[in-house]
Amino acid sequence: MATTHPDQPVSNVPLPNDRLPDVEPVRRTPLPLAAQPARWLEGWRAADAAGRVMAPLSRALARPPLDRWTLGKTLGHAIHPALTDLPIGFWTSAVTLDVIGGPDARRSAQQLLGIGTLSALPTALTGVAEWDQIPRPESRVATAHAALNGVAMVLFAGSYVARRRGRYAVGVGLGLAASVPATAAGVLGGHLTGVRHVGIRDPAYNADDVGPQVQRPTS
């Protein structure tokens, strides 16, 4: 395990073959109301059972040579965060056209939904590939993040199908409904990367005195 630079904060960045130990969160200080759901999820032990179902697929996707792409080893860091911009961008654009684009934008919105759903597949696979590298309690938030994204993907796909069948109003409704779990999943993803610094990266980054370093707090 890498040592911590004296001037840098401790962070939680799981690496291949250098997985942080599992711990249980200790709630010492209050958080803003909007941040409390993620903290609650970190203590949600029921998510561990769902996580065990994901573990075999996660390990399969993280094996060589797939790991060069699923874990971003070719890039030196996780590829999943970058890929999330694709479905989020396409889906958000489609919903925006539904709201302000008028009848002339219907075809474009449908195409954006289809492309967004297709791009969500590799995005989801790279996220699942990282899951087994994530220790508790962060893995519980990751499980909820994956579940919410799965719901959003199904709803957006249903929106696309409804439009293809001429049920445009139903498609719009499904798209708007899908935006709710998609947004919630994005908030949890921000918690994982921004607060807990979860993400695969090359161990060489621990040796350049820039950080953040990989270590659990000792007290």
Protein backbone atom coordinates (compact mmCIF):
# COMPACT_ATOMS: atom_id res chain seq x y z
CA MET A 1 0.00 0.00 0.00
CA ALA A 2 1.29 3.41 -0.94
CA THR A 3 2.30 5.86 1.76
CA THR A 4 0.62 9.21 2.20
CA HIS A 5 2.34 12.46 1.36
CA PRO A 6 2.28 14.67 4.46
CA ASP A 7 0.67 17.58 2.61
CA GLN A 8 -2.05 15.59 0.86
CA PRO A 9 -5.43 14.28 2.03
CA VAL A 10 -6.12 10.59 2.36
CA SER A 11 -8.40 9.25 -0.37
CA ASN A 12 -10.01 6.00 -1.40
CA VAL A 13 -8.90 5.03 -4.91
CA PRO A 14 -9.06 1.26 -5.40
CA LEU A 15 -6.48 -0.14 -7.80
CA PRO A 16 -6.21 -3.52 -9.50
CA ASN A 17 -4.47 -5.95 -7.15
CA ASP A 18 -4.36 -3.22 -4.47
CA ARG A 19 -7.92 -3.21 -3.19
CA LEU A 20 -8.59 -1.21 -0.07
CA PRO A 21 -9.88 -3.10 2.98
CA ASP A 22 -13.59 -3.21 3.72
CA VAL A 23 -14.71 -0.98 6.59
CA GLU A 24 -17.98 0.18 8.13
CA PRO A 25 -18.63 3.94 8.07
CA VAL A 26 -18.56 5.91 11.31
CA ARG A 27 -20.82 8.96 11.30
CA ARG A 28 -18.85 11.50 13.31
CA THR A 29 -20.07 14.74 11.76
CA PRO A 30 -23.33 15.91 10.11
CA LEU A 31 -23.61 16.47 6.38
CA PRO A 32 -25.86 18.73 4.27
CA LEU A 33 -29.29 17.24 3.67
CA ALA A 34 -28.60 16.58 -0.01
CA ALA A 35 -25.51 14.51 0.84
CA GLN A 36 -27.23 12.27 3.38
CA PRO A 37 -28.73 9.69 0.96
CA ALA A 38 -25.26 8.66 -0.23
CA ARG A 39 -24.04 8.39 3.34
CA TRP A 40 -27.10 6.28 4.20
CA LEU A 41 -26.37 3.98 1.27
CA GLU A 42 -22.84 3.45 2.55
CA GLY A 43 -24.35 1.87 5.64
CA TRP A 44 -26.99 -0.12 3.72
CA ARG A 45 -25.81 -3.69 4.31
CA ALA A 46 -28.64 -5.21 2.27
CA ALA A 47 -26.81 -3.94 -0.81
CA ASP A 48 -24.01 -6.42 -0.10
CA ALA A 49 -26.24 -9.31 -1.19
CA ALA A 50 -26.99 -7.65 -4.52
CA GLY A 51 -23.30 -6.91 -4.91
CA ARG A 52 -22.42 -10.58 -4.55
CA VAL A 53 -24.58 -11.29 -7.58
CA MET A 54 -22.57 -8.74 -9.59
CA ALA A 55 -19.19 -10.02 -8.46
CA PRO A 56 -18.77 -12.96 -10.89
CA LEU A 57 -19.60 -10.81 -13.92
CA SER A 58 -17.36 -8.04 -12.65
CA ARG A 59 -14.41 -10.41 -12.30
CA ALA A 60 -15.02 -11.87 -15.75
CA LEU A 61 -15.03 -8.43 -17.36
CA ALA A 62 -11.86 -7.42 -15.49
CA ARG A 63 -9.73 -10.36 -16.67
CA PRO A 64 -6.95 -9.98 -19.26
CA PRO A 65 -7.09 -9.05 -22.06
CA LEU A 66 -10.49 -7.42 -21.53
CA ASP A 67 -9.13 -5.33 -18.67
CA ARG A 68 -7.10 -3.26 -21.11
CA TRP A 69 -10.40 -1.72 -22.18
CA THR A 70 -12.95 -2.43 -19.45
CA LEU A 71 -10.67 -1.10 -16.69
CA GLY A 72 -8.93 1.45 -18.89
CA LYS A 73 -5.44 -0.03 -18.44
CA THR A 74 -4.57 1.16 -21.94
CA LEU A 75 -5.34 4.73 -20.84
CA GLY A 76 -3.81 4.42 -17.38
CA HIS A 77 -7.10 5.16 -15.63
CA ALA A 78 -10.73 4.12 -15.59
CA ILE A 79 -12.64 4.64 -18.83
CA HIS A 80 -16.11 4.38 -17.29
CA PRO A 81 -16.42 8.04 -16.17
CA ALA A 82 -15.58 9.27 -19.67
CA LEU A 83 -18.07 6.93 -21.32
CA THR A 84 -20.90 8.14 -19.10
CA ASP A 85 -20.87 11.44 -20.99
CA LEU A 86 -22.24 9.65 -24.07
CA PRO A 87 -25.58 8.28 -22.83
CA ILE A 88 -26.09 11.25 -20.51
CA GLY A 89 -25.51 13.67 -23.37
CA PHE A 90 -27.69 11.84 -25.90
CA TRP A 91 -30.54 11.22 -23.47
CA THR A 92 -30.51 14.74 -22.08
CA SER A 93 -30.57 16.16 -25.60
CA ALA A 94 -33.53 13.94 -26.49
CA VAL A 95 -35.52 15.01 -23.44
CA THR A 96 -34.67 18.65 -24.14
CA LEU A 97 -36.02 18.32 -27.69
CA ASP A 98 -39.17 16.74 -26.31
CA VAL A 99 -39.71 19.75 -24.08
CA ILE A 100 -38.79 22.63 -26.38
CA GLY A 101 -38.28 21.16 -29.86
CA GLY A 102 -41.87 20.84 -31.03
CA PRO A 103 -43.20 18.33 -33.61
CA ASP A 104 -40.32 18.93 -36.03
CA ALA A 105 -37.84 17.60 -33.45
CA ARG A 106 -39.56 14.25 -32.87
CA ARG A 107 -37.40 12.25 -35.25
CA SER A 108 -34.19 13.76 -33.92
CA ALA A 109 -35.25 13.03 -30.33
CA GLN A 110 -35.97 9.41 -31.24
CA GLN A 111 -32.58 9.02 -32.91
CA LEU A 112 -30.81 10.50 -29.91
CA LEU A 113 -32.63 8.08 -27.61
CA GLY A 114 -31.53 5.13 -29.72
CA ILE A 115 -27.91 6.22 -29.86
CA GLY A 116 -27.93 6.97 -26.13
CA THR A 117 -29.27 3.51 -25.31
CA LEU A 118 -26.65 1.83 -27.49
CA SER A 119 -23.86 3.86 -25.91
CA ALA A 120 -25.15 2.95 -22.45
CA LEU A 121 -24.25 -0.72 -23.00
CA PRO A 122 -20.43 -0.38 -23.05
CA THR A 123 -20.72 2.29 -20.39
CA ALA A 124 -22.55 -0.11 -18.10
CA LEU A 125 -20.10 -2.95 -18.79
CA THR A 126 -17.09 -0.82 -17.87
CA GLY A 127 -18.83 0.21 -14.67
CA VAL A 128 -19.59 -3.39 -13.73
CA ALA A 129 -15.99 -4.34 -14.49
CA GLU A 130 -14.82 -1.88 -11.83
CA TRP A 131 -17.31 -3.02 -9.21
CA ASP A 132 -15.25 -5.88 -7.77
CA GLN A 133 -12.34 -3.49 -7.23
CA ILE A 134 -14.44 -1.26 -4.98
CA PRO A 135 -14.39 -2.01 -1.23
CA ARG A 136 -17.19 -1.53 1.26
CA PRO A 137 -18.83 0.84 2.00
CA GLU A 138 -18.24 2.49 -1.38
CA SER A 139 -19.41 -0.67 -3.17
CA ARG A 140 -22.88 -0.25 -1.68
CA VAL A 141 -23.23 3.15 -3.31
CA ALA A 142 -21.88 1.66 -6.54
CA THR A 143 -24.55 -1.05 -6.42
CA ALA A 144 -27.30 1.56 -6.03
CA HIS A 145 -25.69 3.62 -8.81
CA ALA A 146 -25.78 0.60 -11.13
CA ALA A 147 -29.37 -0.26 -10.24
CA LEU A 148 -30.61 3.26 -10.90
CA ASN A 149 -28.79 3.39 -14.21
CA GLY A 150 -30.32 0.04 -15.14
CA VAL A 151 -33.81 1.40 -14.47
CA ALA A 152 -33.05 4.52 -16.51
CA MET A 153 -31.73 2.44 -19.40
CA VAL A 154 -34.86 0.28 -19.49
CA LEU A 155 -37.13 3.34 -19.41
CA PHE A 156 -35.20 5.16 -22.13
CA ALA A 157 -35.20 2.02 -24.28
CA GLY A 158 -38.95 1.74 -23.70
CA SER A 159 -39.30 5.36 -24.75
CA TYR A 160 -37.50 4.62 -28.00
CA VAL A 161 -39.67 1.57 -28.71
CA ALA A 162 -42.87 3.47 -27.97
CA ARG A 163 -41.91 6.18 -30.45
CA ARG A 164 -41.05 3.61 -33.10
CA ARG A 165 -44.57 2.23 -32.68
CA GLY A 166 -46.14 5.64 -33.08
CA ARG A 167 -46.96 6.17 -29.42
CA TYR A 168 -45.12 9.44 -29.14
CA ALA A 169 -46.82 10.74 -25.99
CA VAL A 170 -46.01 7.50 -24.16
CA GLY A 171 -42.43 7.77 -25.36
CA VAL A 172 -42.12 11.30 -24.04
CA GLY A 173 -43.54 10.26 -20.69
CA LEU A 174 -41.12 7.35 -20.39
CA GLY A 175 -38.23 9.61 -21.30
CA LEU A 176 -39.16 12.15 -18.65
CA ALA A 177 -39.61 9.38 -16.09
CA ALA A 178 -36.22 7.90 -17.00
CA SER A 179 -34.55 11.22 -16.25
CA VAL A 180 -35.30 10.80 -12.54
CA PRO A 181 -33.28 7.61 -11.88
CA ALA A 182 -30.64 8.76 -14.37
CA THR A 183 -30.13 11.98 -12.41
CA ALA A 184 -30.06 10.14 -9.08
CA ALA A 185 -27.48 7.72 -10.49
CA GLY A 186 -25.38 10.66 -11.63
CA VAL A 187 -25.44 12.16 -8.14
CA LEU A 188 -24.23 8.86 -6.67
CA GLY A 189 -21.56 8.60 -9.35
CA GLY A 190 -20.37 12.07 -8.37
CA HIS A 191 -20.22 10.95 -4.74
CA LEU A 192 -18.07 7.95 -5.68
CA THR A 193 -15.61 9.88 -7.81
CA GLY A 194 -15.66 13.29 -6.16
CA VAL A 195 -16.02 12.41 -2.48
CA ARG A 196 -14.59 8.89 -2.20
CA HIS A 197 -12.19 9.13 -5.17
CA VAL A 198 -13.21 5.71 -6.44
CA GLY A 199 -11.66 4.79 -9.76
CA ILE A 200 -9.06 2.55 -11.34
CA ARG A 201 -5.74 4.18 -12.10
CA ASP A 202 -2.20 3.07 -12.83
CA PRO A 203 -0.13 2.55 -9.64
CA ALA A 204 2.57 4.78 -11.14
CA TYR A 205 0.45 7.76 -10.18
CA ASN A 206 1.16 6.95 -6.54
CA ALA A 207 4.87 7.54 -7.03
CA ASP A 208 4.86 11.02 -8.57
CA ASP A 209 4.28 13.01 -5.35
CA VAL A 210 1.10 14.54 -6.73
CA GLY A 211 -1.53 12.22 -5.24
CA PRO A 212 -4.08 11.70 -3.94
CA GLN A 213 -2.61 8.62 -2.29
CA VAL A 214 -4.26 5.28 -1.68
CA GLN A 215 -4.81 4.63 1.99
CA ARG A 216 -7.58 4.19 4.52
CA PRO A 217 -7.60 6.61 7.45
CA THR A 218 -5.90 5.05 10.46
CA SER A 219 -8.06 6.72 13.10
